[in-house]
Amino acid sequence: MARFLDRDHPMFRQTWVRAVTVAVPLVGAGFELTLGSPLWGAIFAGLAGYALWELFLRGPRGGDRG
């Protein structure tokens, strides 16, 4: 089954691509919060958090079964 954000995809080999993948929804969250839309801000912040976890903080895939 395909993952939502596949960190092993060749596109994510470069660090700047991973950083932009985290930064874009984070900027979107800030934008939505400044417009007074906390629900969309929380959604975009959650997406940024997931991307940060998946692309930077998670360990190597060696024992991962997913």
PDB file of N, CA and C in Angstrom:
ATOM      1  N   MET A   1       0.832  -1.173   0.000  1.00  0.00           N
ATOM      2  CA  MET A   1       0.000   0.000   0.000  1.00  0.00           C
ATOM      3  C   MET A   1       0.885   1.248   0.000  1.00  0.00           C
ATOM      4  N   ALA A   2       0.553   2.207  -0.817  1.00  0.00           N
ATOM      5  CA  ALA A   2       1.342   3.423  -0.937  1.00  0.00           C
ATOM      6  C   ALA A   2       1.168   4.311   0.298  1.00  0.00           C
ATOM      7  N   ARG A   3       2.250   4.953   0.688  1.00  0.00           N
ATOM      8  CA  ARG A   3       2.215   5.858   1.832  1.00  0.00           C
ATOM      9  C   ARG A   3       1.767   7.238   1.369  1.00  0.00           C
ATOM     10  N   PHE A   4       1.222   8.032   2.307  1.00  0.00           N
ATOM     11  CA  PHE A   4       0.795   9.394   1.996  1.00  0.00           C
ATOM     12  C   PHE A   4       1.990  10.264   1.636  1.00  0.00           C
ATOM     13  N   LEU A   5       3.083  10.120   2.388  1.00  0.00           N
ATOM     14  CA  LEU A   5       4.303  10.876   2.135  1.00  0.00           C
ATOM     15  C   LEU A   5       5.452   9.884   2.213  1.00  0.00           C
ATOM     16  N   ASP A   6       5.930   9.457   1.061  1.00  0.00           N
ATOM     17  CA  ASP A   6       6.954   8.416   0.997  1.00  0.00           C
ATOM     18  C   ASP A   6       8.340   9.041   1.078  1.00  0.00           C
ATOM     19  N   ARG A   7       8.969   8.919   2.235  1.00  0.00           N
ATOM     20  CA  ARG A   7      10.287   9.535   2.429  1.00  0.00           C
ATOM     21  C   ARG A   7      11.372   8.841   1.622  1.00  0.00           C
ATOM     22  N   ASP A   8      11.108   7.662   1.096  1.00  0.00           N
ATOM     23  CA  ASP A   8      12.090   6.955   0.288  1.00  0.00           C
ATOM     24  C   ASP A   8      12.007   7.312  -1.195  1.00  0.00           C
ATOM     25  N   HIS A   9      11.087   8.174  -1.555  1.00  0.00           N
ATOM     26  CA  HIS A   9      10.959   8.600  -2.946  1.00  0.00           C
ATOM     27  C   HIS A   9      12.202   9.400  -3.338  1.00  0.00           C
ATOM     28  N   PRO A  10      12.702   9.200  -4.565  1.00  0.00           N
ATOM     29  CA  PRO A  10      13.929   9.895  -4.984  1.00  0.00           C
ATOM     30  C   PRO A  10      13.830  11.426  -4.902  1.00  0.00           C
ATOM     31  N   MET A  11      12.635  11.958  -4.991  1.00  0.00           N
ATOM     32  CA  MET A  11      12.477  13.408  -4.931  1.00  0.00           C
ATOM     33  C   MET A  11      12.941  13.972  -3.585  1.00  0.00           C
ATOM     34  N   PHE A  12      12.830  13.203  -2.504  1.00  0.00           N
ATOM     35  CA  PHE A  12      13.159  13.687  -1.178  1.00  0.00           C
ATOM     36  C   PHE A  12      14.604  13.430  -0.767  1.00  0.00           C
ATOM     37  N   ARG A  13      15.473  13.099  -1.706  1.00  0.00           N
ATOM     38  CA  ARG A  13      16.880  12.870  -1.377  1.00  0.00           C
ATOM     39  C   ARG A  13      17.577  14.153  -0.955  1.00  0.00           C
ATOM     40  N   GLN A  14      17.205  15.269  -1.577  1.00  0.00           N
ATOM     41  CA  GLN A  14      17.845  16.540  -1.265  1.00  0.00           C
ATOM     42  C   GLN A  14      17.189  17.180  -0.047  1.00  0.00           C
ATOM     43  N   THR A  15      18.008  17.704   0.835  1.00  0.00           N
ATOM     44  CA  THR A  15      17.511  18.276   2.078  1.00  0.00           C
ATOM     45  C   THR A  15      16.624  19.485   1.834  1.00  0.00           C
ATOM     46  N   TRP A  16      16.948  20.311   0.837  1.00  0.00           N
ATOM     47  CA  TRP A  16      16.147  21.512   0.613  1.00  0.00           C
ATOM     48  C   TRP A  16      14.731  21.164   0.171  1.00  0.00           C
ATOM     49  N   VAL A  17      14.550  20.072  -0.547  1.00  0.00           N
ATOM     50  CA  VAL A  17      13.208  19.663  -0.968  1.00  0.00           C
ATOM     51  C   VAL A  17      12.393  19.237   0.257  1.00  0.00           C
ATOM     52  N   ARG A  18      13.022  18.501   1.160  1.00  0.00           N
ATOM     53  CA  ARG A  18      12.328  18.108   2.390  1.00  0.00           C
ATOM     54  C   ARG A  18      11.980  19.328   3.237  1.00  0.00           C
ATOM     55  N   ALA A  19      12.900  20.301   3.304  1.00  0.00           N
ATOM     56  CA  ALA A  19      12.645  21.513   4.086  1.00  0.00           C
ATOM     57  C   ALA A  19      11.494  22.324   3.500  1.00  0.00           C
ATOM     58  N   VAL A  20      11.429  22.431   2.196  1.00  0.00           N
ATOM     59  CA  VAL A  20      10.325  23.163   1.554  1.00  0.00           C
ATOM     60  C   VAL A  20       9.010  22.430   1.768  1.00  0.00           C
ATOM     61  N   THR A  21       9.055  21.107   1.767  1.00  0.00           N
ATOM     62  CA  THR A  21       7.847  20.318   2.007  1.00  0.00           C
ATOM     63  C   THR A  21       7.295  20.563   3.407  1.00  0.00           C
ATOM     64  N   VAL A  22       8.151  20.858   4.355  1.00  0.00           N
ATOM     65  CA  VAL A  22       7.710  21.189   5.712  1.00  0.00           C
ATOM     66  C   VAL A  22       7.306  22.660   5.792  1.00  0.00           C
ATOM     67  N   ALA A  23       8.057  23.540   5.142  1.00  0.00           N
ATOM     68  CA  ALA A  23       7.849  24.981   5.276  1.00  0.00           C
ATOM     69  C   ALA A  23       6.566  25.478   4.620  1.00  0.00           C
ATOM     70  N   VAL A  24       6.187  24.925   3.495  1.00  0.00           N
ATOM     71  CA  VAL A  24       5.011  25.432   2.776  1.00  0.00           C
ATOM     72  C   VAL A  24       3.730  25.294   3.604  1.00  0.00           C
ATOM     73  N   PRO A  25       3.405  24.129   4.162  1.00  0.00           N
ATOM     74  CA  PRO A  25       2.196  24.093   5.000  1.00  0.00           C
ATOM     75  C   PRO A  25       2.341  24.895   6.285  1.00  0.00           C
ATOM     76  N   LEU A  26       3.563  25.068   6.783  1.00  0.00           N
ATOM     77  CA  LEU A  26       3.762  25.885   7.972  1.00  0.00           C
ATOM     78  C   LEU A  26       3.463  27.354   7.675  1.00  0.00           C
ATOM     79  N   VAL A  27       3.890  27.832   6.535  1.00  0.00           N
ATOM     80  CA  VAL A  27       3.552  29.197   6.113  1.00  0.00           C
ATOM     81  C   VAL A  27       2.048  29.314   5.895  1.00  0.00           C
ATOM     82  N   GLY A  28       1.448  28.297   5.313  1.00  0.00           N
ATOM     83  CA  GLY A  28      -0.003  28.302   5.129  1.00  0.00           C
ATOM     84  C   GLY A  28      -0.742  28.358   6.453  1.00  0.00           C
ATOM     85  N   ALA A  29      -0.219  27.681   7.460  1.00  0.00           N
ATOM     86  CA  ALA A  29      -0.843  27.718   8.785  1.00  0.00           C
ATOM     87  C   ALA A  29      -0.778  29.123   9.363  1.00  0.00           C
ATOM     88  N   GLY A  30       0.370  29.753   9.250  1.00  0.00           N
ATOM     89  CA  GLY A  30       0.505  31.121   9.731  1.00  0.00           C
ATOM     90  C   GLY A  30      -0.409  32.078   8.997  1.00  0.00           C
ATOM     91  N   PHE A  31      -0.530  31.904   7.703  1.00  0.00           N
ATOM     92  CA  PHE A  31      -1.414  32.739   6.892  1.00  0.00           C
ATOM     93  C   PHE A  31      -2.860  32.582   7.322  1.00  0.00           C
ATOM     94  N   GLU A  32      -3.296  31.355   7.498  1.00  0.00           N
ATOM     95  CA  GLU A  32      -4.677  31.112   7.913  1.00  0.00           C
ATOM     96  C   GLU A  32      -4.955  31.649   9.314  1.00  0.00           C
ATOM     97  N   LEU A  33      -3.983  31.519  10.191  1.00  0.00           N
ATOM     98  CA  LEU A  33      -4.168  32.037  11.554  1.00  0.00           C
ATOM     99  C   LEU A  33      -4.253  33.560  11.558  1.00  0.00           C
ATOM    100  N   THR A  34      -3.479  34.231  10.707  1.00  0.00           N
ATOM    101  CA  THR A  34      -3.561  35.691  10.647  1.00  0.00           C
ATOM    102  C   THR A  34      -4.883  36.151  10.038  1.00  0.00           C
ATOM    103  N   LEU A  35      -5.490  35.325   9.219  1.00  0.00           N
ATOM    104  CA  LEU A  35      -6.788  35.667   8.641  1.00  0.00           C
ATOM    105  C   LEU A  35      -7.937  35.350   9.594  1.00  0.00           C
ATOM    106  N   GLY A  36      -7.620  34.720  10.720  1.00  0.00           N
ATOM    107  CA  GLY A  36      -8.645  34.414  11.704  1.00  0.00           C
ATOM    108  C   GLY A  36      -9.361  33.105  11.459  1.00  0.00           C
ATOM    109  N   SER A  37      -8.673  32.150  10.853  1.00  0.00           N
ATOM    110  CA  SER A  37      -9.265  30.847  10.585  1.00  0.00           C
ATOM    111  C   SER A  37      -8.468  29.767  11.318  1.00  0.00           C
ATOM    112  N   PRO A  38      -8.770  29.571  12.608  1.00  0.00           N
ATOM    113  CA  PRO A  38      -7.956  28.641  13.390  1.00  0.00           C
ATOM    114  C   PRO A  38      -8.101  27.179  12.964  1.00  0.00           C
ATOM    115  N   LEU A  39      -9.235  26.780  12.432  1.00  0.00           N
ATOM    116  CA  LEU A  39      -9.395  25.390  12.002  1.00  0.00           C
ATOM    117  C   LEU A  39      -8.439  25.072  10.854  1.00  0.00           C
ATOM    118  N   TRP A  40      -8.421  25.910   9.830  1.00  0.00           N
ATOM    119  CA  TRP A  40      -7.512  25.674   8.712  1.00  0.00           C
ATOM    120  C   TRP A  40      -6.060  25.844   9.129  1.00  0.00           C
ATOM    121  N   GLY A  41      -5.818  26.757  10.064  1.00  0.00           N
ATOM    122  CA  GLY A  41      -4.465  26.900  10.591  1.00  0.00           C
ATOM    123  C   GLY A  41      -4.000  25.633  11.278  1.00  0.00           C
ATOM    124  N   ALA A  42      -4.887  25.028  12.059  1.00  0.00           N
ATOM    125  CA  ALA A  42      -4.544  23.779  12.740  1.00  0.00           C
ATOM    126  C   ALA A  42      -4.345  22.641  11.741  1.00  0.00           C
ATOM    127  N   ILE A  43      -5.146  22.608  10.701  1.00  0.00           N
ATOM    128  CA  ILE A  43      -5.005  21.557   9.677  1.00  0.00           C
ATOM    129  C   ILE A  43      -3.654  21.675   8.990  1.00  0.00           C
ATOM    130  N   PHE A  44      -3.293  22.895   8.564  1.00  0.00           N
ATOM    131  CA  PHE A  44      -2.002  23.090   7.901  1.00  0.00           C
ATOM    132  C   PHE A  44      -0.840  22.852   8.860  1.00  0.00           C
ATOM    133  N   ALA A  45      -0.987  23.235  10.122  1.00  0.00           N
ATOM    134  CA  ALA A  45       0.065  22.977  11.108  1.00  0.00           C
ATOM    135  C   ALA A  45       0.233  21.469  11.323  1.00  0.00           C
ATOM    136  N   GLY A  46      -0.867  20.744  11.320  1.00  0.00           N
ATOM    137  CA  GLY A  46      -0.790  19.290  11.434  1.00  0.00           C
ATOM    138  C   GLY A  46      -0.079  18.660  10.249  1.00  0.00           C
ATOM    139  N   LEU A  47      -0.357  19.167   9.062  1.00  0.00           N
ATOM    140  CA  LEU A  47       0.333  18.660   7.870  1.00  0.00           C
ATOM    141  C   LEU A  47       1.833  18.949   7.947  1.00  0.00           C
ATOM    142  N   ALA A  48       2.176  20.136   8.407  1.00  0.00           N
ATOM    143  CA  ALA A  48       3.597  20.482   8.555  1.00  0.00           C
ATOM    144  C   ALA A  48       4.259  19.590   9.599  1.00  0.00           C
ATOM    145  N   GLY A  49       3.550  19.331  10.693  1.00  0.00           N
ATOM    146  CA  GLY A  49       4.097  18.456  11.727  1.00  0.00           C
ATOM    147  C   GLY A  49       4.303  17.037  11.230  1.00  0.00           C
ATOM    148  N   TYR A  50       3.351  16.543  10.451  1.00  0.00           N
ATOM    149  CA  TYR A  50       3.487  15.198   9.888  1.00  0.00           C
ATOM    150  C   TYR A  50       4.675  15.131   8.931  1.00  0.00           C
ATOM    151  N   ALA A  51       4.811  16.147   8.083  1.00  0.00           N
ATOM    152  CA  ALA A  51       5.937  16.170   7.144  1.00  0.00           C
ATOM    153  C   ALA A  51       7.262  16.255   7.891  1.00  0.00           C
ATOM    154  N   LEU A  52       7.314  17.061   8.953  1.00  0.00           N
ATOM    155  CA  LEU A  52       8.528  17.161   9.757  1.00  0.00           C
ATOM    156  C   LEU A  52       8.883  15.804  10.371  1.00  0.00           C
ATOM    157  N   TRP A  53       7.895  15.136  10.920  1.00  0.00           N
ATOM    158  CA  TRP A  53       8.123  13.824  11.521  1.00  0.00           C
ATOM    159  C   TRP A  53       8.598  12.814  10.480  1.00  0.00           C
ATOM    160  N   GLU A  54       7.901  12.761   9.374  1.00  0.00           N
ATOM    161  CA  GLU A  54       8.185  11.741   8.362  1.00  0.00           C
ATOM    162  C   GLU A  54       9.510  11.989   7.645  1.00  0.00           C
ATOM    163  N   LEU A  55       9.857  13.241   7.380  1.00  0.00           N
ATOM    164  CA  LEU A  55      11.027  13.525   6.553  1.00  0.00           C
ATOM    165  C   LEU A  55      12.297  13.810   7.342  1.00  0.00           C
ATOM    166  N   PHE A  56      12.183  14.200   8.628  1.00  0.00           N
ATOM    167  CA  PHE A  56      13.381  14.573   9.377  1.00  0.00           C
ATOM    168  C   PHE A  56      13.562  13.798  10.680  1.00  0.00           C
ATOM    169  N   LEU A  57      12.506  13.597  11.444  1.00  0.00           N
ATOM    170  CA  LEU A  57      12.660  13.084  12.804  1.00  0.00           C
ATOM    171  C   LEU A  57      12.574  11.574  12.923  1.00  0.00           C
ATOM    172  N   ARG A  58      11.913  10.931  12.021  1.00  0.00           N
ATOM    173  CA  ARG A  58      11.728   9.484  12.099  1.00  0.00           C
ATOM    174  C   ARG A  58      13.035   8.762  11.790  1.00  0.00           C
ATOM    175  N   GLY A  59      13.269   7.675  12.462  1.00  0.00           N
ATOM    176  CA  GLY A  59      14.506   6.910  12.275  1.00  0.00           C
ATOM    177  C   GLY A  59      14.558   6.192  10.939  1.00  0.00           C
ATOM    178  N   PRO A  60      15.627   5.452  10.719  1.00  0.00           N
ATOM    179  CA  PRO A  60      15.746   4.702   9.463  1.00  0.00           C
ATOM    180  C   PRO A  60      14.698   3.623   9.327  1.00  0.00           C
ATOM    181  N   ARG A  61      14.427   3.244   8.092  1.00  0.00           N
ATOM    182  CA  ARG A  61      13.347   2.330   7.791  1.00  0.00           C
ATOM    183  C   ARG A  61      13.709   0.870   8.062  1.00  0.00           C
ATOM    184  N   GLY A  62      14.879   0.549   8.516  1.00  0.00           N
ATOM    185  CA  GLY A  62      15.328  -0.832   8.697  1.00  0.00           C
ATOM    186  C   GLY A  62      14.307  -1.770   9.297  1.00  0.00           C
ATOM    187  N   GLY A  63      13.745  -1.488  10.450  1.00  0.00           N
ATOM    188  CA  GLY A  63      12.787  -2.383  11.101  1.00  0.00           C
ATOM    189  C   GLY A  63      11.351  -1.980  10.899  1.00  0.00           C
ATOM    190  N   ASP A  64      11.124  -0.990  10.055  1.00  0.00           N
ATOM    191  CA  ASP A  64       9.770  -0.481   9.820  1.00  0.00           C
ATOM    192  C   ASP A  64       9.002  -1.441   8.926  1.00  0.00           C
ATOM    193  N   ARG A  65       7.793  -1.781   9.332  1.00  0.00           N
ATOM    194  CA  ARG A  65       6.979  -2.705   8.548  1.00  0.00           C
ATOM    195  C   ARG A  65       5.958  -1.991   7.687  1.00  0.00           C
ATOM    196  N   GLY A  66       5.879  -0.665   7.757  1.00  0.00           N
ATOM    197  CA  GLY A  66       4.848   0.092   7.045  1.00  0.00           C
ATOM    198  C   GLY A  66       5.227   0.526   5.741  1.00  0.00           C
TER     199      GLY A  66
END
